N, C-alpha and C. Protein backbone atom coordinates (compact mmCIF):
# COMPACT_ATOMS: atom_id res chain seq x y z
N UNK A 1 0.84 -1.16 0.00
CA UNK A 1 0.00 0.00 0.00
C UNK A 1 0.89 1.24 0.00
N UNK A 2 0.50 2.22 -0.74
CA UNK A 2 1.29 3.44 -0.85
C UNK A 2 1.10 4.32 0.39
N UNK A 3 2.15 5.02 0.79
CA UNK A 3 2.03 5.90 1.96
C UNK A 3 0.98 6.99 1.76
N UNK A 4 0.83 7.48 0.56
CA UNK A 4 -0.16 8.51 0.28
C UNK A 4 -1.57 8.00 0.58
N UNK A 5 -1.83 6.76 0.19
CA UNK A 5 -3.14 6.16 0.45
C UNK A 5 -3.37 5.98 1.95
N UNK A 6 -2.31 5.64 2.67
CA UNK A 6 -2.44 5.41 4.10
C UNK A 6 -2.70 6.72 4.84
N UNK A 7 -2.12 7.81 4.37
CA UNK A 7 -2.30 9.10 5.04
C UNK A 7 -3.74 9.60 4.92
N UNK A 8 -4.46 9.14 3.91
CA UNK A 8 -5.83 9.57 3.70
C UNK A 8 -6.81 8.84 4.61
N UNK A 9 -6.37 7.80 5.27
CA UNK A 9 -7.24 7.01 6.14
C UNK A 9 -7.41 7.68 7.49
N UNK A 10 -8.51 7.35 8.15
CA UNK A 10 -8.75 7.88 9.50
C UNK A 10 -7.94 7.08 10.51
N UNK A 11 -7.90 7.57 11.74
CA UNK A 11 -7.15 6.87 12.79
C UNK A 11 -7.74 5.50 13.09
N UNK A 12 -9.07 5.41 13.08
CA UNK A 12 -9.70 4.11 13.34
C UNK A 12 -9.35 3.11 12.24
N UNK A 13 -9.34 3.58 10.99
CA UNK A 13 -8.97 2.71 9.88
C UNK A 13 -7.52 2.25 10.01
N UNK A 14 -6.65 3.16 10.43
CA UNK A 14 -5.24 2.80 10.59
C UNK A 14 -5.05 1.77 11.70
N UNK A 15 -5.82 1.91 12.77
CA UNK A 15 -5.72 0.94 13.87
C UNK A 15 -6.19 -0.44 13.42
N UNK A 16 -7.27 -0.47 12.66
CA UNK A 16 -7.77 -1.75 12.13
C UNK A 16 -6.76 -2.34 11.13
N UNK A 17 -6.17 -1.47 10.31
CA UNK A 17 -5.17 -1.92 9.35
C UNK A 17 -3.97 -2.50 10.06
N UNK A 18 -3.53 -1.84 11.13
CA UNK A 18 -2.39 -2.34 11.90
C UNK A 18 -2.69 -3.72 12.48
N UNK A 19 -3.89 -3.87 13.01
CA UNK A 19 -4.29 -5.15 13.59
C UNK A 19 -4.29 -6.26 12.53
N UNK A 20 -4.86 -5.96 11.37
CA UNK A 20 -4.93 -6.98 10.31
C UNK A 20 -3.55 -7.29 9.74
N UNK A 21 -2.69 -6.28 9.62
CA UNK A 21 -1.34 -6.52 9.12
C UNK A 21 -0.51 -7.33 10.10
N UNK A 22 -0.73 -7.09 11.39
CA UNK A 22 -0.04 -7.87 12.41
C UNK A 22 -0.42 -9.34 12.31
N UNK A 23 -1.72 -9.58 12.14
CA UNK A 23 -2.21 -10.95 12.01
C UNK A 23 -1.67 -11.59 10.73
N UNK A 24 -1.67 -10.83 9.64
CA UNK A 24 -1.18 -11.35 8.37
C UNK A 24 0.31 -11.67 8.44
N UNK A 25 1.06 -10.82 9.12
CA UNK A 25 2.49 -11.07 9.29
C UNK A 25 2.72 -12.39 10.02
N UNK A 26 1.95 -12.62 11.05
CA UNK A 26 2.07 -13.87 11.80
C UNK A 26 1.76 -15.08 10.92
N UNK A 27 0.66 -14.99 10.16
CA UNK A 27 0.30 -16.15 9.32
C UNK A 27 1.32 -16.38 8.22
N UNK A 28 1.88 -15.31 7.68
CA UNK A 28 2.90 -15.48 6.64
C UNK A 28 4.16 -16.11 7.21
N UNK A 29 4.55 -15.70 8.42
CA UNK A 29 5.72 -16.29 9.05
C UNK A 29 5.49 -17.77 9.32
N UNK A 30 4.29 -18.11 9.75
CA UNK A 30 3.96 -19.50 10.02
C UNK A 30 3.98 -20.32 8.73
N UNK A 31 3.41 -19.77 7.67
CA UNK A 31 3.42 -20.48 6.39
C UNK A 31 4.84 -20.65 5.87
N UNK A 32 5.67 -19.64 6.06
CA UNK A 32 7.06 -19.74 5.60
C UNK A 32 7.80 -20.82 6.39
N UNK A 33 7.55 -20.90 7.66
CA UNK A 33 8.19 -21.90 8.50
C UNK A 33 7.79 -23.32 8.10
N UNK A 34 6.54 -23.49 7.67
CA UNK A 34 6.07 -24.82 7.29
C UNK A 34 6.21 -25.08 5.78
N UNK A 35 6.92 -24.19 5.11
CA UNK A 35 7.21 -24.31 3.67
C UNK A 35 5.95 -24.33 2.80
N UNK A 36 4.93 -23.57 3.20
CA UNK A 36 3.71 -23.47 2.39
C UNK A 36 3.58 -22.10 1.73
N UNK A 37 4.58 -21.24 1.94
CA UNK A 37 4.52 -19.89 1.39
C UNK A 37 5.27 -19.87 0.06
N UNK A 38 4.56 -19.49 -1.00
CA UNK A 38 5.17 -19.45 -2.32
C UNK A 38 5.91 -18.14 -2.57
N UNK A 39 5.30 -17.03 -2.19
CA UNK A 39 5.86 -15.72 -2.46
C UNK A 39 6.43 -15.14 -1.16
N UNK A 40 7.72 -15.32 -0.94
CA UNK A 40 8.33 -14.86 0.30
C UNK A 40 8.45 -13.34 0.35
N UNK A 41 8.37 -12.67 -0.78
CA UNK A 41 8.45 -11.21 -0.78
C UNK A 41 7.21 -10.58 -0.14
N UNK A 42 6.14 -11.33 -0.04
CA UNK A 42 4.93 -10.80 0.60
C UNK A 42 5.18 -10.54 2.09
N UNK A 43 6.10 -11.28 2.69
CA UNK A 43 6.44 -11.04 4.09
C UNK A 43 7.05 -9.65 4.26
N UNK A 44 7.96 -9.31 3.38
CA UNK A 44 8.62 -8.00 3.43
C UNK A 44 7.62 -6.87 3.18
N UNK A 45 6.76 -7.06 2.21
CA UNK A 45 5.76 -6.04 1.89
C UNK A 45 4.82 -5.80 3.07
N UNK A 46 4.41 -6.88 3.70
CA UNK A 46 3.50 -6.77 4.84
C UNK A 46 4.18 -6.09 6.01
N UNK A 47 5.43 -6.45 6.27
CA UNK A 47 6.16 -5.81 7.37
C UNK A 47 6.33 -4.32 7.13
N UNK A 48 6.62 -3.95 5.89
CA UNK A 48 6.79 -2.53 5.58
C UNK A 48 5.48 -1.77 5.71
N UNK A 49 4.39 -2.37 5.27
CA UNK A 49 3.08 -1.72 5.43
C UNK A 49 2.73 -1.55 6.90
N UNK A 50 3.07 -2.56 7.70
CA UNK A 50 2.83 -2.48 9.14
C UNK A 50 3.65 -1.33 9.75
N UNK A 51 4.88 -1.21 9.33
CA UNK A 51 5.73 -0.12 9.84
C UNK A 51 5.17 1.23 9.42
N UNK A 52 4.67 1.33 8.21
CA UNK A 52 4.07 2.60 7.75
C UNK A 52 2.85 2.96 8.59
N UNK A 53 2.02 1.98 8.86
CA UNK A 53 0.82 2.22 9.66
C UNK A 53 1.19 2.66 11.07
N UNK A 54 2.17 1.99 11.67
CA UNK A 54 2.60 2.35 13.01
C UNK A 54 3.19 3.75 13.04
N UNK A 55 3.94 4.11 12.01
CA UNK A 55 4.53 5.44 11.93
C UNK A 55 3.46 6.51 11.85
N UNK A 56 2.45 6.29 11.04
CA UNK A 56 1.37 7.27 10.91
C UNK A 56 0.58 7.40 12.21
N UNK A 57 0.36 6.29 12.90
CA UNK A 57 -0.33 6.35 14.18
C UNK A 57 0.50 7.12 15.21
N UNK A 58 1.78 6.90 15.21
CA UNK A 58 2.67 7.61 16.14
C UNK A 58 2.71 9.11 15.82
N UNK A 59 2.75 9.46 14.54
CA UNK A 59 2.72 10.86 14.15
C UNK A 59 1.46 11.55 14.63
N UNK A 60 0.34 10.87 14.50
CA UNK A 60 -0.94 11.43 14.96
C UNK A 60 -0.94 11.59 16.47
N UNK A 61 -0.36 10.63 17.18
CA UNK A 61 -0.29 10.70 18.64
C UNK A 61 0.57 11.89 19.08
N UNK A 62 1.71 12.08 18.44
CA UNK A 62 2.58 13.19 18.79
C UNK A 62 1.94 14.53 18.45
N UNK A 63 1.22 14.57 17.35
CA UNK A 63 0.54 15.80 16.96
C UNK A 63 -0.54 16.16 17.98
N UNK A 64 -1.26 15.16 18.47
CA UNK A 64 -2.29 15.40 19.47
C UNK A 64 -1.68 15.88 20.79
N UNK A 65 -0.55 15.33 21.16
CA UNK A 65 0.14 15.75 22.38
C UNK A 65 0.62 17.19 22.25
N UNK A 66 1.13 17.54 21.09
CA UNK A 66 1.64 18.89 20.86
C UNK A 66 0.51 19.91 20.92
N UNK A 67 -0.64 19.54 20.36
CA UNK A 67 -1.77 20.46 20.37
C UNK A 67 -2.37 20.60 21.76
N UNK A 68 -2.23 19.59 22.59
CA UNK A 68 -2.78 19.63 23.93
C UNK A 68 -1.99 20.57 24.85
N UNK A 69 -0.75 20.80 24.52
CA UNK A 69 0.10 21.66 25.35
C UNK A 69 -0.14 23.11 25.11
């Protein structure tokens, strides 16, 4: 997923996306361990998307803290 697309999402959508990407990362790791994963690059893509989602959530959190002061 492109970062531009992720920035357009709401915070609730990002939290749900993070949860689903975390679950998908786990299942991909499990499939890779049991040699049932055909496309190993999907693990990297999922991890990067998860990192992007976490970064955007953290940015929003810091922005809210800054505005509260």
